PDB file of N, CA and C in Angstrom:
ATOM      1  N   UNK A   1       4.460  16.835 -21.390  1.00  0.00           N
ATOM      2  CA  UNK A   1       4.033  15.696 -20.562  1.00  0.00           C
ATOM      3  C   UNK A   1       4.503  14.392 -21.204  1.00  0.00           C
ATOM      4  N   UNK A   2       5.060  13.518 -20.394  1.00  0.00           N
ATOM      5  CA  UNK A   2       5.546  12.233 -20.891  1.00  0.00           C
ATOM      6  C   UNK A   2       4.433  11.193 -20.837  1.00  0.00           C
ATOM      7  N   UNK A   3       3.681  11.151 -19.735  1.00  0.00           N
ATOM      8  CA  UNK A   3       2.642  10.133 -19.554  1.00  0.00           C
ATOM      9  C   UNK A   3       1.322  10.750 -19.116  1.00  0.00           C
ATOM     10  N   UNK A   4       0.264  10.020 -19.373  1.00  0.00           N
ATOM     11  CA  UNK A   4      -1.068  10.396 -18.912  1.00  0.00           C
ATOM     12  C   UNK A   4      -1.504   9.353 -17.890  1.00  0.00           C
ATOM     13  N   UNK A   5      -2.257   9.759 -16.882  1.00  0.00           N
ATOM     14  CA  UNK A   5      -2.739   8.830 -15.859  1.00  0.00           C
ATOM     15  C   UNK A   5      -4.254   8.731 -15.963  1.00  0.00           C
ATOM     16  N   UNK A   6      -4.744   7.508 -16.003  1.00  0.00           N
ATOM     17  CA  UNK A   6      -6.195   7.302 -15.980  1.00  0.00           C
ATOM     18  C   UNK A   6      -6.542   6.323 -14.853  1.00  0.00           C
ATOM     19  N   UNK A   7      -7.810   6.307 -14.470  1.00  0.00           N
ATOM     20  CA  UNK A   7      -8.283   5.387 -13.431  1.00  0.00           C
ATOM     21  C   UNK A   7      -9.125   4.315 -14.094  1.00  0.00           C
ATOM     22  N   UNK A   8      -8.952   3.070 -13.672  1.00  0.00           N
ATOM     23  CA  UNK A   8      -9.824   1.995 -14.125  1.00  0.00           C
ATOM     24  C   UNK A   8     -10.789   1.679 -12.990  1.00  0.00           C
ATOM     25  N   UNK A   9     -12.068   1.817 -13.280  1.00  0.00           N
ATOM     26  CA  UNK A   9     -13.128   1.654 -12.287  1.00  0.00           C
ATOM     27  C   UNK A   9     -12.912   2.673 -11.157  1.00  0.00           C
ATOM     28  N   UNK A  10     -13.385   2.397  -9.950  1.00  0.00           N
ATOM     29  CA  UNK A  10     -13.342   3.430  -8.900  1.00  0.00           C
ATOM     30  C   UNK A  10     -12.510   3.040  -7.681  1.00  0.00           C
ATOM     31  N   UNK A  11     -11.796   1.926  -7.752  1.00  0.00           N
ATOM     32  CA  UNK A  11     -11.052   1.426  -6.583  1.00  0.00           C
ATOM     33  C   UNK A  11     -10.036   2.443  -6.061  1.00  0.00           C
ATOM     34  N   UNK A  12      -9.257   3.021  -6.986  1.00  0.00           N
ATOM     35  CA  UNK A  12      -8.256   3.988  -6.539  1.00  0.00           C
ATOM     36  C   UNK A  12      -8.924   5.231  -5.945  1.00  0.00           C
ATOM     37  N   UNK A  13      -9.948   5.739  -6.606  1.00  0.00           N
ATOM     38  CA  UNK A  13     -10.604   6.964  -6.151  1.00  0.00           C
ATOM     39  C   UNK A  13     -11.178   6.780  -4.743  1.00  0.00           C
ATOM     40  N   UNK A  14     -11.770   5.623  -4.489  1.00  0.00           N
ATOM     41  CA  UNK A  14     -12.316   5.331  -3.158  1.00  0.00           C
ATOM     42  C   UNK A  14     -11.206   5.326  -2.106  1.00  0.00           C
ATOM     43  N   UNK A  15     -10.074   4.742  -2.437  1.00  0.00           N
ATOM     44  CA  UNK A  15      -8.914   4.726  -1.536  1.00  0.00           C
ATOM     45  C   UNK A  15      -8.426   6.157  -1.298  1.00  0.00           C
ATOM     46  N   UNK A  16      -8.284   6.918  -2.365  1.00  0.00           N
ATOM     47  CA  UNK A  16      -7.753   8.281  -2.299  1.00  0.00           C
ATOM     48  C   UNK A  16      -8.625   9.184  -1.425  1.00  0.00           C
ATOM     49  N   UNK A  17      -9.927   9.060  -1.568  1.00  0.00           N
ATOM     50  CA  UNK A  17     -10.844   9.928  -0.824  1.00  0.00           C
ATOM     51  C   UNK A  17     -10.764   9.719   0.686  1.00  0.00           C
ATOM     52  N   UNK A  18     -10.295   8.559   1.121  1.00  0.00           N
ATOM     53  CA  UNK A  18     -10.195   8.254   2.556  1.00  0.00           C
ATOM     54  C   UNK A  18      -8.928   8.818   3.191  1.00  0.00           C
ATOM     55  N   UNK A  19      -7.989   9.303   2.363  1.00  0.00           N
ATOM     56  CA  UNK A  19      -6.699   9.751   2.891  1.00  0.00           C
ATOM     57  C   UNK A  19      -6.771  11.202   3.357  1.00  0.00           C
ATOM     58  N   UNK A  20      -5.866  11.554   4.284  1.00  0.00           N
ATOM     59  CA  UNK A  20      -5.824  12.950   4.731  1.00  0.00           C
ATOM     60  C   UNK A  20      -5.075  13.816   3.710  1.00  0.00           C
ATOM     61  N   UNK A  21      -5.105  15.122   3.918  1.00  0.00           N
ATOM     62  CA  UNK A  21      -4.525  16.062   2.968  1.00  0.00           C
ATOM     63  C   UNK A  21      -3.048  15.849   2.690  1.00  0.00           C
ATOM     64  N   UNK A  22      -2.278  15.505   3.722  1.00  0.00           N
ATOM     65  CA  UNK A  22      -0.834  15.300   3.548  1.00  0.00           C
ATOM     66  C   UNK A  22      -0.564  14.085   2.660  1.00  0.00           C
ATOM     67  N   UNK A  23      -1.305  13.009   2.893  1.00  0.00           N
ATOM     68  CA  UNK A  23      -1.121  11.791   2.093  1.00  0.00           C
ATOM     69  C   UNK A  23      -1.546  12.072   0.650  1.00  0.00           C
ATOM     70  N   UNK A  24      -2.660  12.773   0.469  1.00  0.00           N
ATOM     71  CA  UNK A  24      -3.108  13.140  -0.884  1.00  0.00           C
ATOM     72  C   UNK A  24      -2.023  13.948  -1.599  1.00  0.00           C
ATOM     73  N   UNK A  25      -1.384  14.849  -0.856  1.00  0.00           N
ATOM     74  CA  UNK A  25      -0.298  15.644  -1.428  1.00  0.00           C
ATOM     75  C   UNK A  25       0.862  14.782  -1.892  1.00  0.00           C
ATOM     76  N   UNK A  26       1.213  13.790  -1.092  1.00  0.00           N
ATOM     77  CA  UNK A  26       2.292  12.855  -1.450  1.00  0.00           C
ATOM     78  C   UNK A  26       1.912  12.056  -2.699  1.00  0.00           C
ATOM     79  N   UNK A  27       0.647  11.638  -2.768  1.00  0.00           N
ATOM     80  CA  UNK A  27       0.175  10.885  -3.934  1.00  0.00           C
ATOM     81  C   UNK A  27       0.255  11.777  -5.179  1.00  0.00           C
ATOM     82  N   UNK A  28      -0.187  13.015  -5.054  1.00  0.00           N
ATOM     83  CA  UNK A  28      -0.121  13.960  -6.185  1.00  0.00           C
ATOM     84  C   UNK A  28       1.324  14.159  -6.652  1.00  0.00           C
ATOM     85  N   UNK A  29       2.239  14.261  -5.684  1.00  0.00           N
ATOM     86  CA  UNK A  29       3.658  14.432  -6.014  1.00  0.00           C
ATOM     87  C   UNK A  29       4.154  13.229  -6.833  1.00  0.00           C
ATOM     88  N   UNK A  30       3.807  12.032  -6.385  1.00  0.00           N
ATOM     89  CA  UNK A  30       4.220  10.818  -7.100  1.00  0.00           C
ATOM     90  C   UNK A  30       3.635  10.807  -8.510  1.00  0.00           C
ATOM     91  N   UNK A  31       2.373  11.252  -8.641  1.00  0.00           N
ATOM     92  CA  UNK A  31       1.740  11.296  -9.965  1.00  0.00           C
ATOM     93  C   UNK A  31       2.454  12.291 -10.887  1.00  0.00           C
ATOM     94  N   UNK A  32       2.871  13.426 -10.335  1.00  0.00           N
ATOM     95  CA  UNK A  32       3.588  14.414 -11.151  1.00  0.00           C
ATOM     96  C   UNK A  32       4.905  13.818 -11.668  1.00  0.00           C
ATOM     97  N   UNK A  33       5.604  13.077 -10.795  1.00  0.00           N
ATOM     98  CA  UNK A  33       6.827  12.398 -11.237  1.00  0.00           C
ATOM     99  C   UNK A  33       6.516  11.441 -12.374  1.00  0.00           C
ATOM    100  N   UNK A  34       5.471  10.639 -12.189  1.00  0.00           N
ATOM    101  CA  UNK A  34       5.080   9.676 -13.217  1.00  0.00           C
ATOM    102  C   UNK A  34       4.777  10.358 -14.544  1.00  0.00           C
ATOM    103  N   UNK A  35       4.099  11.485 -14.472  1.00  0.00           N
ATOM    104  CA  UNK A  35       3.717  12.198 -15.688  1.00  0.00           C
ATOM    105  C   UNK A  35       4.904  12.831 -16.392  1.00  0.00           C
ATOM    106  N   UNK A  36       5.894  13.314 -15.622  1.00  0.00           N
ATOM    107  CA  UNK A  36       6.914  14.174 -16.211  1.00  0.00           C
ATOM    108  C   UNK A  36       8.327  13.598 -16.303  1.00  0.00           C
ATOM    109  N   UNK A  37       8.629  12.594 -15.489  1.00  0.00           N
ATOM    110  CA  UNK A  37      10.005  12.083 -15.449  1.00  0.00           C
ATOM    111  C   UNK A  37      10.114  10.813 -16.289  1.00  0.00           C
ATOM    112  N   UNK A  38      11.084  10.816 -17.200  1.00  0.00           N
ATOM    113  CA  UNK A  38      11.270   9.674 -18.104  1.00  0.00           C
ATOM    114  C   UNK A  38      11.546   8.387 -17.315  1.00  0.00           C
ATOM    115  N   UNK A  39      12.544   8.456 -16.422  1.00  0.00           N
ATOM    116  CA  UNK A  39      12.898   7.279 -15.609  1.00  0.00           C
ATOM    117  C   UNK A  39      12.564   7.580 -14.150  1.00  0.00           C
ATOM    118  N   UNK A  40      11.429   7.094 -13.716  1.00  0.00           N
ATOM    119  CA  UNK A  40      10.973   7.346 -12.345  1.00  0.00           C
ATOM    120  C   UNK A  40      11.795   6.475 -11.391  1.00  0.00           C
ATOM    121  N   UNK A  41      12.379   7.056 -10.339  1.00  0.00           N
ATOM    122  CA  UNK A  41      13.179   6.260  -9.388  1.00  0.00           C
ATOM    123  C   UNK A  41      12.354   5.127  -8.757  1.00  0.00           C
ATOM    124  N   UNK A  42      13.021   4.014  -8.481  1.00  0.00           N
ATOM    125  CA  UNK A  42      12.338   2.848  -7.903  1.00  0.00           C
ATOM    126  C   UNK A  42      11.739   3.158  -6.534  1.00  0.00           C
ATOM    127  N   UNK A  43      12.236   4.183  -5.889  1.00  0.00           N
ATOM    128  CA  UNK A  43      11.664   4.609  -4.609  1.00  0.00           C
ATOM    129  C   UNK A  43      10.172   4.954  -4.782  1.00  0.00           C
ATOM    130  N   UNK A  44       9.795   5.416  -5.971  1.00  0.00           N
ATOM    131  CA  UNK A  44       8.418   5.828  -6.239  1.00  0.00           C
ATOM    132  C   UNK A  44       7.627   4.862  -7.122  1.00  0.00           C
ATOM    133  N   UNK A  45       8.318   4.099  -7.961  1.00  0.00           N
ATOM    134  CA  UNK A  45       7.624   3.196  -8.890  1.00  0.00           C
ATOM    135  C   UNK A  45       8.446   1.931  -9.051  1.00  0.00           C
ATOM    136  N   UNK A  46       7.837   0.793  -8.731  1.00  0.00           N
ATOM    137  CA  UNK A  46       8.581  -0.466  -8.787  1.00  0.00           C
ATOM    138  C   UNK A  46       7.791  -1.515  -9.557  1.00  0.00           C
ATOM    139  N   UNK A  47       8.477  -2.197 -10.470  1.00  0.00           N
ATOM    140  CA  UNK A  47       7.844  -3.297 -11.196  1.00  0.00           C
ATOM    141  C   UNK A  47       7.763  -4.504 -10.268  1.00  0.00           C
ATOM    142  N   UNK A  48       6.617  -5.166 -10.269  1.00  0.00           N
ATOM    143  CA  UNK A  48       6.454  -6.357  -9.433  1.00  0.00           C
ATOM    144  C   UNK A  48       6.752  -7.582 -10.273  1.00  0.00           C
ATOM    145  N   UNK A  49       7.802  -8.303  -9.899  1.00  0.00           N
ATOM    146  CA  UNK A  49       8.219  -9.458 -10.683  1.00  0.00           C
ATOM    147  C   UNK A  49       7.148 -10.542 -10.669  1.00  0.00           C
ATOM    148  N   UNK A  50       7.024 -11.218 -11.795  1.00  0.00           N
ATOM    149  CA  UNK A  50       6.071 -12.318 -11.914  1.00  0.00           C
ATOM    150  C   UNK A  50       4.614 -11.876 -12.011  1.00  0.00           C
ATOM    151  N   UNK A  51       4.369 -10.641 -12.459  1.00  0.00           N
ATOM    152  CA  UNK A  51       2.990 -10.143 -12.504  1.00  0.00           C
ATOM    153  C   UNK A  51       2.554  -9.707 -13.899  1.00  0.00           C
ATOM    154  N   UNK A  52       3.354  -9.975 -14.924  1.00  0.00           N
ATOM    155  CA  UNK A  52       2.994  -9.571 -16.291  1.00  0.00           C
ATOM    156  C   UNK A  52       2.750  -8.076 -16.451  1.00  0.00           C
ATOM    157  N   UNK A  53       3.608  -7.257 -15.879  1.00  0.00           N
ATOM    158  CA  UNK A  53       3.510  -5.826 -16.141  1.00  0.00           C
ATOM    159  C   UNK A  53       2.834  -4.989 -15.076  1.00  0.00           C
ATOM    160  N   UNK A  54       2.611  -5.559 -13.910  1.00  0.00           N
ATOM    161  CA  UNK A  54       2.012  -4.794 -12.811  1.00  0.00           C
ATOM    162  C   UNK A  54       3.115  -4.028 -12.073  1.00  0.00           C
ATOM    163  N   UNK A  55       2.819  -2.778 -11.741  1.00  0.00           N
ATOM    164  CA  UNK A  55       3.749  -1.931 -10.998  1.00  0.00           C
ATOM    165  C   UNK A  55       3.066  -1.463  -9.723  1.00  0.00           C
ATOM    166  N   UNK A  56       3.886  -0.989  -8.776  1.00  0.00           N
ATOM    167  CA  UNK A  56       3.305  -0.329  -7.615  1.00  0.00           C
ATOM    168  C   UNK A  56       3.913   1.052  -7.484  1.00  0.00           C
ATOM    169  N   UNK A  57       3.030   2.040  -7.279  1.00  0.00           N
ATOM    170  CA  UNK A  57       3.455   3.392  -6.967  1.00  0.00           C
ATOM    171  C   UNK A  57       3.637   3.396  -5.457  1.00  0.00           C
ATOM    172  N   UNK A  58       4.786   3.898  -5.007  1.00  0.00           N
ATOM    173  CA  UNK A  58       5.143   3.789  -3.590  1.00  0.00           C
ATOM    174  C   UNK A  58       5.111   5.159  -2.933  1.00  0.00           C
ATOM    175  N   UNK A  59       4.349   5.255  -1.866  1.00  0.00           N
ATOM    176  CA  UNK A  59       4.217   6.515  -1.142  1.00  0.00           C
ATOM    177  C   UNK A  59       4.490   6.268   0.330  1.00  0.00           C
ATOM    178  N   UNK A  60       5.305   7.131   0.918  1.00  0.00           N
ATOM    179  CA  UNK A  60       5.543   7.041   2.358  1.00  0.00           C
ATOM    180  C   UNK A  60       5.230   8.386   2.976  1.00  0.00           C
ATOM    181  N   UNK A  61       4.542   8.343   4.097  1.00  0.00           N
ATOM    182  CA  UNK A  61       4.278   9.567   4.836  1.00  0.00           C
ATOM    183  C   UNK A  61       4.372   9.235   6.313  1.00  0.00           C
ATOM    184  N   UNK A  62       5.236   9.973   7.017  1.00  0.00           N
ATOM    185  CA  UNK A  62       5.566   9.691   8.404  1.00  0.00           C
ATOM    186  C   UNK A  62       5.979   8.225   8.467  1.00  0.00           C
ATOM    187  N   UNK A  63       5.351   7.385   9.280  1.00  0.00           N
ATOM    188  CA  UNK A  63       5.798   5.987   9.301  1.00  0.00           C
ATOM    189  C   UNK A  63       4.824   5.101   8.540  1.00  0.00           C
ATOM    190  N   UNK A  64       3.942   5.707   7.744  1.00  0.00           N
ATOM    191  CA  UNK A  64       2.967   4.928   6.981  1.00  0.00           C
ATOM    192  C   UNK A  64       3.426   4.711   5.543  1.00  0.00           C
ATOM    193  N   UNK A  65       3.096   3.533   5.039  1.00  0.00           N
ATOM    194  CA  UNK A  65       3.471   3.167   3.678  1.00  0.00           C
ATOM    195  C   UNK A  65       2.194   2.880   2.900  1.00  0.00           C
ATOM    196  N   UNK A  66       2.105   3.476   1.713  1.00  0.00           N
ATOM    197  CA  UNK A  66       0.934   3.294   0.852  1.00  0.00           C
ATOM    198  C   UNK A  66       1.397   2.760  -0.490  1.00  0.00           C
ATOM    199  N   UNK A  67       0.552   1.946  -1.101  1.00  0.00           N
ATOM    200  CA  UNK A  67       0.856   1.398  -2.417  1.00  0.00           C
ATOM    201  C   UNK A  67      -0.357   1.576  -3.321  1.00  0.00           C
ATOM    202  N   UNK A  68      -0.074   1.875  -4.585  1.00  0.00           N
ATOM    203  CA  UNK A  68      -1.131   1.968  -5.596  1.00  0.00           C
ATOM    204  C   UNK A  68      -0.672   1.106  -6.758  1.00  0.00           C
ATOM    205  N   UNK A  69      -1.465   0.118  -7.109  1.00  0.00           N
ATOM    206  CA  UNK A  69      -1.112  -0.744  -8.229  1.00  0.00           C
ATOM    207  C   UNK A  69      -1.495  -0.078  -9.539  1.00  0.00           C
ATOM    208  N   UNK A  70      -0.653  -0.285 -10.553  1.00  0.00           N
ATOM    209  CA  UNK A  70      -0.916   0.297 -11.856  1.00  0.00           C
ATOM    210  C   UNK A  70      -0.200  -0.514 -12.930  1.00  0.00           C
ATOM    211  N   UNK A  71      -0.481  -0.176 -14.177  1.00  0.00           N
ATOM    212  CA  UNK A  71       0.270  -0.757 -15.286  1.00  0.00           C
ATOM    213  C   UNK A  71       0.399   0.309 -16.362  1.00  0.00           C
ATOM    214  N   UNK A  72       1.210   0.022 -17.357  1.00  0.00           N
ATOM    215  CA  UNK A  72       1.360   0.928 -18.486  1.00  0.00           C
ATOM    216  C   UNK A  72       0.578   0.359 -19.661  1.00  0.00           C
ATOM    217  N   UNK A  73       0.039   1.253 -20.453  1.00  0.00           N
ATOM    218  CA  UNK A  73      -0.645   0.860 -21.678  1.00  0.00           C
ATOM    219  C   UNK A  73      -0.071   1.742 -22.778  1.00  0.00           C
ATOM    220  N   UNK A  74       0.504   1.125 -23.789  1.00  0.00           N
ATOM    221  CA  UNK A  74       1.172   1.853 -24.884  1.00  0.00           C
ATOM    222  C   UNK A  74       2.323   2.706 -24.367  1.00  0.00           C
ATOM    223  N   UNK A  75       2.864   2.366 -23.201  1.00  0.00           N
ATOM    224  CA  UNK A  75       4.039   3.057 -22.681  1.00  0.00           C
ATOM    225  C   UNK A  75       3.789   4.458 -22.141  1.00  0.00           C
ATOM    226  N   UNK A  76       2.756   5.126 -22.637  1.00  0.00           N
ATOM    227  CA  UNK A  76       2.538   6.521 -22.271  1.00  0.00           C
ATOM    228  C   UNK A  76       1.393   6.701 -21.279  1.00  0.00           C
ATOM    229  N   UNK A  77       0.579   5.679 -21.129  1.00  0.00           N
ATOM    230  CA  UNK A  77      -0.622   5.792 -20.317  1.00  0.00           C
ATOM    231  C   UNK A  77      -0.444   4.949 -19.062  1.00  0.00           C
ATOM    232  N   UNK A  78      -0.668   5.550 -17.909  1.00  0.00           N
ATOM    233  CA  UNK A  78      -0.572   4.809 -16.656  1.00  0.00           C
ATOM    234  C   UNK A  78      -2.002   4.551 -16.187  1.00  0.00           C
ATOM    235  N   UNK A  79      -2.336   3.284 -15.998  1.00  0.00           N
ATOM    236  CA  UNK A  79      -3.685   2.906 -15.584  1.00  0.00           C
ATOM    237  C   UNK A  79      -3.647   2.534 -14.114  1.00  0.00           C
ATOM    238  N   UNK A  80      -4.401   3.275 -13.287  1.00  0.00           N
ATOM    239  CA  UNK A  80      -4.410   3.022 -11.848  1.00  0.00           C
ATOM    240  C   UNK A  80      -5.493   2.022 -11.483  1.00  0.00           C
ATOM    241  N   UNK A  81      -5.160   1.118 -10.575  1.00  0.00           N
ATOM    242  CA  UNK A  81      -6.114   0.129 -10.099  1.00  0.00           C
ATOM    243  C   UNK A  81      -6.440   0.420  -8.641  1.00  0.00           C
ATOM    244  N   UNK A  82      -6.062  -0.455  -7.731  1.00  0.00           N
ATOM    245  CA  UNK A  82      -6.398  -0.283  -6.316  1.00  0.00           C
ATOM    246  C   UNK A  82      -5.227   0.274  -5.518  1.00  0.00           C
ATOM    247  N   UNK A  83      -5.557   0.891  -4.382  1.00  0.00           N
ATOM    248  CA  UNK A  83      -4.545   1.408  -3.479  1.00  0.00           C
ATOM    249  C   UNK A  83      -4.829   0.906  -2.078  1.00  0.00           C
ATOM    250  N   UNK A  84      -3.808   0.871  -1.228  1.00  0.00           N
ATOM    251  CA  UNK A  84      -3.995   0.410   0.152  1.00  0.00           C
ATOM    252  C   UNK A  84      -2.844   0.907   1.009  1.00  0.00           C
ATOM    253  N   UNK A  85      -3.043   0.849   2.319  1.00  0.00           N
ATOM    254  CA  UNK A  85      -1.979   1.176   3.263  1.00  0.00           C
ATOM    255  C   UNK A  85      -1.334  -0.126   3.698  1.00  0.00           C
ATOM    256  N   UNK A  86      -0.008  -0.178   3.604  1.00  0.00           N
ATOM    257  CA  UNK A  86       0.717  -1.385   4.005  1.00  0.00           C
ATOM    258  C   UNK A  86       0.881  -1.416   5.510  1.00  0.00           C
ATOM    259  N   UNK A  87       0.554  -2.543   6.118  1.00  0.00           N
ATOM    260  CA  UNK A  87       0.696  -2.694   7.570  1.00  0.00           C
ATOM    261  C   UNK A  87       1.893  -3.578   7.918  1.00  0.00           C
ATOM    262  N   UNK A  88       2.354  -4.376   6.933  1.00  0.00           N
ATOM    263  CA  UNK A  88       3.474  -5.295   7.170  1.00  0.00           C
ATOM    264  C   UNK A  88       4.468  -5.162   6.020  1.00  0.00           C
ATOM    265  N   UNK A  89       5.572  -5.885   6.108  1.00  0.00           N
ATOM    266  CA  UNK A  89       6.585  -5.858   5.050  1.00  0.00           C
ATOM    267  C   UNK A  89       6.049  -6.428   3.744  1.00  0.00           C
ATOM    268  N   UNK A  90       5.239  -7.472   3.865  1.00  0.00           N
ATOM    269  CA  UNK A  90       4.747  -8.139   2.659  1.00  0.00           C
ATOM    270  C   UNK A  90       3.498  -7.450   2.118  1.00  0.00           C
ATOM    271  N   UNK A  91       3.406  -7.416   0.800  1.00  0.00           N
ATOM    272  CA  UNK A  91       2.204  -6.885   0.152  1.00  0.00           C
ATOM    273  C   UNK A  91       1.076  -7.885   0.382  1.00  0.00           C
ATOM    274  N   UNK A  92      -0.078  -7.423   0.866  1.00  0.00           N
ATOM    275  CA  UNK A  92      -1.203  -8.353   1.097  1.00  0.00           C
ATOM    276  C   UNK A  92      -1.613  -9.065  -0.189  1.00  0.00           C
ATOM    277  N   UNK A  93      -1.694 -10.387  -0.104  1.00  0.00           N
ATOM    278  CA  UNK A  93      -2.009 -11.212  -1.270  1.00  0.00           C
ATOM    279  C   UNK A  93      -3.350 -10.812  -1.895  1.00  0.00           C
ATOM    280  N   UNK A  94      -4.348 -10.511  -1.061  1.00  0.00           N
ATOM    281  CA  UNK A  94      -5.660 -10.160  -1.611  1.00  0.00           C
ATOM    282  C   UNK A  94      -5.604  -8.879  -2.442  1.00  0.00           C
ATOM    283  N   UNK A  95      -4.796  -7.903  -2.024  1.00  0.00           N
ATOM    284  CA  UNK A  95      -4.660  -6.656  -2.789  1.00  0.00           C
ATOM    285  C   UNK A  95      -3.951  -6.908  -4.118  1.00  0.00           C
ATOM    286  N   UNK A  96      -2.928  -7.766  -4.079  1.00  0.00           N
ATOM    287  CA  UNK A  96      -2.197  -8.104  -5.295  1.00  0.00           C
ATOM    288  C   UNK A  96      -3.106  -8.856  -6.270  1.00  0.00           C
ATOM    289  N   UNK A  97      -3.868  -9.815  -5.766  1.00  0.00           N
ATOM    290  CA  UNK A  97      -4.796 -10.573  -6.620  1.00  0.00           C
ATOM    291  C   UNK A  97      -5.850  -9.650  -7.226  1.00  0.00           C
ATOM    292  N   UNK A  98      -6.344  -8.731  -6.419  1.00  0.00           N
ATOM    293  CA  UNK A  98      -7.335  -7.758  -6.896  1.00  0.00           C
ATOM    294  C   UNK A  98      -6.748  -6.946  -8.060  1.00  0.00           C
ATOM    295  N   UNK A  99      -5.511  -6.479  -7.890  1.00  0.00           N
ATOM    296  CA  UNK A  99      -4.849  -5.685  -8.933  1.00  0.00           C
ATOM    297  C   UNK A  99      -4.669  -6.495 -10.212  1.00  0.00           C
ATOM    298  N   UNK A 100      -4.284  -7.767 -10.068  1.00  0.00           N
ATOM    299  CA  UNK A 100      -4.105  -8.621 -11.252  1.00  0.00           C
ATOM    300  C   UNK A 100      -5.426  -8.786 -11.999  1.00  0.00           C
ATOM    301  N   UNK A 101      -6.513  -9.002 -11.240  1.00  0.00           N
ATOM    302  CA  UNK A 101      -7.836  -9.153 -11.853  1.00  0.00           C
ATOM    303  C   UNK A 101      -8.262  -7.867 -12.556  1.00  0.00           C
ATOM    304  N   UNK A 102      -8.017  -6.734 -11.902  1.00  0.00           N
ATOM    305  CA  UNK A 102      -8.378  -5.444 -12.495  1.00  0.00           C
ATOM    306  C   UNK A 102      -7.597  -5.192 -13.779  1.00  0.00           C
ATOM    307  N   UNK A 103      -6.323  -5.531 -13.776  1.00  0.00           N
ATOM    308  CA  UNK A 103      -5.504  -5.338 -14.971  1.00  0.00           C
ATOM    309  C   UNK A 103      -6.032  -6.209 -16.117  1.00  0.00           C
ATOM    310  N   UNK A 104      -6.365  -7.444 -15.790  1.00  0.00           N
ATOM    311  CA  UNK A 104      -6.910  -8.359 -16.799  1.00  0.00           C
ATOM    312  C   UNK A 104      -8.238  -7.812 -17.351  1.00  0.00           C
ATOM    313  N   UNK A 105      -9.114  -7.348 -16.467  1.00  0.00           N
ATOM    314  CA  UNK A 105     -10.397  -6.769 -16.882  1.00  0.00           C
ATOM    315  C   UNK A 105     -10.192  -5.562 -17.778  1.00  0.00           C
ATOM    316  N   UNK A 106      -9.233  -4.720 -17.407  1.00  0.00           N
ATOM    317  CA  UNK A 106      -8.952  -3.512 -18.186  1.00  0.00           C
ATOM    318  C   UNK A 106      -8.597  -3.881 -19.629  1.00  0.00           C
ATOM    319  N   UNK A 107      -7.660  -4.815 -19.800  1.00  0.00           N
ATOM    320  CA  UNK A 107      -7.222  -5.167 -21.146  1.00  0.00           C
ATOM    321  C   UNK A 107      -8.308  -5.946 -21.907  1.00  0.00           C
ATOM    322  N   UNK A 108      -9.078  -6.777 -21.211  1.00  0.00           N
ATOM    323  CA  UNK A 108     -10.193  -7.475 -21.860  1.00  0.00           C
ATOM    324  C   UNK A 108     -11.225  -6.480 -22.385  1.00  0.00           C
ATOM    325  N   UNK A 109     -11.572  -5.514 -21.540  1.00  0.00           N
ATOM    326  CA  UNK A 109     -12.556  -4.492 -21.913  1.00  0.00           C
ATOM    327  C   UNK A 109     -12.051  -3.681 -23.106  1.00  0.00           C
ATOM    328  N   UNK A 110     -10.773  -3.342 -23.069  1.00  0.00           N
ATOM    329  CA  UNK A 110     -10.172  -2.567 -24.143  1.00  0.00           C
ATOM    330  C   UNK A 110     -10.179  -3.337 -25.464  1.00  0.00           C
ATOM    331  N   UNK A 111      -9.872  -4.645 -25.378  1.00  0.00           N
ATOM    332  CA  UNK A 111      -9.890  -5.489 -26.581  1.00  0.00           C
ATOM    333  C   UNK A 111     -11.288  -5.529 -27.204  1.00  0.00           C
ATOM    334  N   UNK A 112     -12.315  -5.644 -26.342  1.00  0.00           N
ATOM    335  CA  UNK A 112     -13.691  -5.662 -26.831  1.00  0.00           C
ATOM    336  C   UNK A 112     -14.041  -4.366 -27.546  1.00  0.00           C
ATOM    337  N   UNK A 113     -13.638  -3.243 -26.936  1.00  0.00           N
ATOM    338  CA  UNK A 113     -13.944  -1.934 -27.515  1.00  0.00           C
ATOM    339  C   UNK A 113     -13.253  -1.737 -28.862  1.00  0.00           C
ATOM    340  N   UNK A 114     -12.088  -2.338 -29.011  1.00  0.00           N
ATOM    341  CA  UNK A 114     -11.328  -2.182 -30.265  1.00  0.00           C
ATOM    342  C   UNK A 114     -11.635  -3.273 -31.276  1.00  0.00           C
ATOM    343  N   UNK A 115     -12.638  -4.088 -30.956  1.00  0.00           N
ATOM    344  CA  UNK A 115     -13.111  -5.119 -31.885  1.00  0.00           C
ATOM    345  C   UNK A 115     -12.129  -6.209 -32.076  1.00  0.00           C
TER     346      UNK A 115
END
């Protein structure tokens, strides 16, 4: 295994539980790529410019597009934040802001735990 995936808080899990079996399967497939492939194709994982290390996991099923925000910690750990279904070309600003806040909280919490 190249990477480990963890969830920060419950935002992703709540999103995941609302999806149908086919979409869950696509998400699992993307996670397997993340875990096992050294260089994940941009079709599945894209760095978001101007976000200090925020990435989006990209899932498409039929004509629906789903995004899951995440970041890397120590290069080997993928931390999942929130997920959503895209309705337009642009990523919803509120979802992006939420992901940025979650990433900041994650690293703040981690710093506290490590003294």
